[in-house]
Each structure stands twice: as structure tokens, then as C-alpha cells.
Amino acid sequence: MTDINLQNVIDAFDELDFENRTTKNLENARNKVQMKTYLSSLDYSLRRIKILEEVVAELVEEKKEELIKQEHIQTYKAKVIQLSREFKISYQDVLNIMVQLQQR
């Protein structure tokens, strides 16, 4: 019975350690509750929270734009690959032709 209690205590400490690591450091926060707990622990004024809100909104927009650009690049690459297959020439040859046409 003592071994079971000791194991329960060890498990509780492990869980507490995990919770402390995930809620006391934003880098480790993986969900809304953990992030909110961390941010609440900072005890920011309303003014600072609003600034944080603006910065987060800007970062979200930047990430969205970055993802859209990556999507467009992937689509473009797929089209170039399709052209290379269609004309039975290498991907690099298609790129070289495109560069030559752009320089004209």
C-alpha cells in the first residue's frame, strides 16, 4: 500500500512539474488555457494587453500572408513541373526558357 501512495505522490509531482513548465513559459504553451494562464500570470494592465492584442493581430495577418505566398509558390512550381512533363524537358530547362523570355 505504501508503494502505491509513493507512486501517486511521484505522479502528482510529475504532473505538477509538467503543468508548471507549460503554464509558466509561453514557449511551452500549446493550448488556449495554458496561454491564458501564462498571460494572466504577467499581470499586465489593460493598456499593455491591448498593445499585445494589436501585435498578435499583426502577426496573425503576417502569417496568413506568408501561407498564401507559400501556397502560390507551390501552385506555380506544380505548373512548371507540369510544363516540363508536357514538353518532355527538364524542370531546369523550363526555368531557363522562362528567364530568357523575361529578358526579351
C-alpha atoms as a PDB file:
ATOM      1  CA  MET A   1       0.000   0.000   0.000  1.00  0.00           C
ATOM      2  CA  THR A   2       2.921   2.348   0.708  1.00  0.00           C
ATOM      3  CA  ASP A   3       4.331   1.750  -2.773  1.00  0.00           C
ATOM      4  CA  ILE A   4       1.008   2.803  -4.327  1.00  0.00           C
ATOM      5  CA  ASN A   5       0.925   6.007  -2.258  1.00  0.00           C
ATOM      6  CA  LEU A   6       4.534   6.750  -3.148  1.00  0.00           C
ATOM      7  CA  GLN A   7       3.761   6.215  -6.835  1.00  0.00           C
ATOM      8  CA  ASN A   8       0.736   8.540  -6.554  1.00  0.00           C
ATOM      9  CA  VAL A   9       2.933  11.232  -4.976  1.00  0.00           C
ATOM     10  CA  ILE A  10       5.570  10.829  -7.708  1.00  0.00           C
ATOM     11  CA  ASP A  11       2.870  11.001 -10.395  1.00  0.00           C
ATOM     12  CA  ALA A  12       1.396  14.125  -8.794  1.00  0.00           C
ATOM     13  CA  PHE A  13       4.819  15.821  -8.748  1.00  0.00           C
ATOM     14  CA  ASP A  14       5.404  14.860 -12.382  1.00  0.00           C
ATOM     15  CA  GLU A  15       2.026  16.310 -13.324  1.00  0.00           C
ATOM     16  CA  LEU A  16       2.720  19.489 -11.326  1.00  0.00           C
ATOM     17  CA  ASP A  17       6.138  19.834 -12.957  1.00  0.00           C
ATOM     18  CA  PHE A  18       4.582  19.420 -16.417  1.00  0.00           C
ATOM     19  CA  GLU A  19       1.852  21.952 -15.604  1.00  0.00           C
ATOM     20  CA  ASN A  20       4.419  24.454 -14.305  1.00  0.00           C
ATOM     21  CA  ARG A  21       6.562  24.080 -17.408  1.00  0.00           C
ATOM     22  CA  THR A  22       3.624  24.542 -19.768  1.00  0.00           C
ATOM     23  CA  THR A  23       1.886  27.420 -17.975  1.00  0.00           C
ATOM     24  CA  LYS A  24       4.833  29.436 -16.701  1.00  0.00           C
ATOM     25  CA  ASN A  25       6.526  29.708 -20.060  1.00  0.00           C
ATOM     26  CA  LEU A  26       4.742  30.898 -23.186  1.00  0.00           C
ATOM     27  CA  GLU A  27       7.166  28.952 -25.362  1.00  0.00           C
ATOM     28  CA  ASN A  28       5.798  25.688 -23.960  1.00  0.00           C
ATOM     29  CA  ALA A  29       2.123  26.693 -24.000  1.00  0.00           C
ATOM     30  CA  ARG A  30       0.279  24.569 -26.545  1.00  0.00           C
ATOM     31  CA  ASN A  31      -3.362  25.410 -25.943  1.00  0.00           C
ATOM     32  CA  LYS A  32      -5.626  28.305 -25.067  1.00  0.00           C
ATOM     33  CA  VAL A  33      -5.833  27.528 -21.343  1.00  0.00           C
ATOM     34  CA  GLN A  34      -2.047  27.331 -20.962  1.00  0.00           C
ATOM     35  CA  MET A  35      -1.517  30.579 -22.860  1.00  0.00           C
ATOM     36  CA  LYS A  36      -4.210  32.364 -20.886  1.00  0.00           C
ATOM     37  CA  THR A  37      -2.747  31.125 -17.599  1.00  0.00           C
ATOM     38  CA  TYR A  38       0.692  32.346 -18.601  1.00  0.00           C
ATOM     39  CA  LEU A  39      -0.539  35.737 -19.806  1.00  0.00           C
ATOM     40  CA  SER A  40      -2.647  36.202 -16.678  1.00  0.00           C
ATOM     41  CA  SER A  41       0.421  35.500 -14.553  1.00  0.00           C
ATOM     42  CA  LEU A  42       2.127  38.516 -16.162  1.00  0.00           C
ATOM     43  CA  ASP A  43      -0.479  40.775 -14.563  1.00  0.00           C
ATOM     44  CA  TYR A  44      -0.465  43.265 -17.456  1.00  0.00           C
ATOM     45  CA  SER A  45      -2.504  46.455 -17.357  1.00  0.00           C
ATOM     46  CA  LEU A  46      -5.372  46.856 -19.808  1.00  0.00           C
ATOM     47  CA  ARG A  47      -3.208  49.182 -21.914  1.00  0.00           C
ATOM     48  CA  ARG A  48      -0.432  46.602 -22.256  1.00  0.00           C
ATOM     49  CA  ILE A  49      -2.925  43.834 -23.040  1.00  0.00           C
ATOM     50  CA  LYS A  50      -4.405  45.969 -25.827  1.00  0.00           C
ATOM     51  CA  ILE A  51      -0.917  46.557 -27.254  1.00  0.00           C
ATOM     52  CA  LEU A  52      -0.315  42.807 -27.065  1.00  0.00           C
ATOM     53  CA  GLU A  53      -3.623  42.250 -28.841  1.00  0.00           C
ATOM     54  CA  GLU A  54      -2.597  44.592 -31.672  1.00  0.00           C
ATOM     55  CA  VAL A  55       0.777  42.921 -32.051  1.00  0.00           C
ATOM     56  CA  VAL A  56      -0.769  39.442 -32.097  1.00  0.00           C
ATOM     57  CA  ALA A  57      -3.311  40.558 -34.729  1.00  0.00           C
ATOM     58  CA  GLU A  58      -0.466  41.911 -36.882  1.00  0.00           C
ATOM     59  CA  LEU A  59       1.490  38.674 -36.501  1.00  0.00           C
ATOM     60  CA  VAL A  60      -1.581  36.622 -37.431  1.00  0.00           C
ATOM     61  CA  GLU A  61      -2.035  38.677 -40.608  1.00  0.00           C
ATOM     62  CA  GLU A  62       1.659  38.312 -41.484  1.00  0.00           C
ATOM     63  CA  LYS A  63       1.464  34.535 -41.009  1.00  0.00           C
ATOM     64  CA  LYS A  64      -1.685  34.338 -43.153  1.00  0.00           C
ATOM     65  CA  GLU A  65       0.009  36.323 -45.933  1.00  0.00           C
ATOM     66  CA  GLU A  66       3.095  34.121 -45.670  1.00  0.00           C
ATOM     67  CA  LEU A  67       0.954  30.981 -46.004  1.00  0.00           C
ATOM     68  CA  ILE A  68      -0.842  32.416 -49.032  1.00  0.00           C
ATOM     69  CA  LYS A  69       2.516  33.217 -50.666  1.00  0.00           C
ATOM     70  CA  GLN A  70       3.748  29.685 -49.976  1.00  0.00           C
ATOM     71  CA  GLU A  71       0.535  28.306 -51.489  1.00  0.00           C
ATOM     72  CA  HIS A  72       1.029  30.405 -54.628  1.00  0.00           C
ATOM     73  CA  ILE A  73       4.653  29.295 -54.905  1.00  0.00           C
ATOM     74  CA  GLN A  74       3.635  25.639 -54.606  1.00  0.00           C
ATOM     75  CA  THR A  75       0.959  26.123 -57.290  1.00  0.00           C
ATOM     76  CA  TYR A  76       3.473  27.844 -59.556  1.00  0.00           C
ATOM     77  CA  LYS A  77       6.032  25.069 -59.047  1.00  0.00           C
ATOM     78  CA  ALA A  78       3.391  22.467 -59.859  1.00  0.00           C
ATOM     79  CA  LYS A  79       2.550  24.303 -63.093  1.00  0.00           C
ATOM     80  CA  VAL A  80       6.229  24.454 -64.085  1.00  0.00           C
ATOM     81  CA  ILE A  81       6.592  20.738 -63.356  1.00  0.00           C
ATOM     82  CA  GLN A  82       3.506  20.067 -65.469  1.00  0.00           C
ATOM     83  CA  LEU A  83       5.007  22.100 -68.339  1.00  0.00           C
ATOM     84  CA  SER A  84       8.255  20.167 -68.114  1.00  0.00           C
ATOM     85  CA  ARG A  85       6.350  16.882 -68.359  1.00  0.00           C
ATOM     86  CA  GLU A  86       4.107  18.135 -71.132  1.00  0.00           C
ATOM     87  CA  PHE A  87       7.040  19.219 -73.314  1.00  0.00           C
ATOM     88  CA  LYS A  88       9.321  16.408 -72.088  1.00  0.00           C
ATOM     89  CA  ILE A  89      12.079  18.742 -70.940  1.00  0.00           C
ATOM     90  CA  SER A  90      13.689  19.156 -67.546  1.00  0.00           C
ATOM     91  CA  TYR A  91      12.347  21.459 -64.863  1.00  0.00           C
ATOM     92  CA  GLN A  92      15.558  23.495 -65.058  1.00  0.00           C
ATOM     93  CA  ASP A  93      15.176  23.864 -68.839  1.00  0.00           C
ATOM     94  CA  VAL A  94      11.673  25.264 -68.360  1.00  0.00           C
ATOM     95  CA  LEU A  95      13.052  27.769 -65.856  1.00  0.00           C
ATOM     96  CA  ASN A  96      15.852  28.739 -68.237  1.00  0.00           C
ATOM     97  CA  ILE A  97      13.357  29.322 -71.065  1.00  0.00           C
ATOM     98  CA  MET A  98      11.212  31.452 -68.758  1.00  0.00           C
ATOM     99  CA  VAL A  99      14.242  33.569 -67.806  1.00  0.00           C
ATOM    100  CA  GLN A 100      15.184  34.016 -71.448  1.00  0.00           C
ATOM    101  CA  LEU A 101      11.643  35.099 -72.338  1.00  0.00           C
ATOM    102  CA  GLN A 102      11.551  37.560 -69.459  1.00  0.00           C
ATOM    103  CA  GLN A 103      14.827  39.153 -70.544  1.00  0.00           C
ATOM    104  CA  ARG A 104      13.459  39.929 -74.018  1.00  0.00           C
END
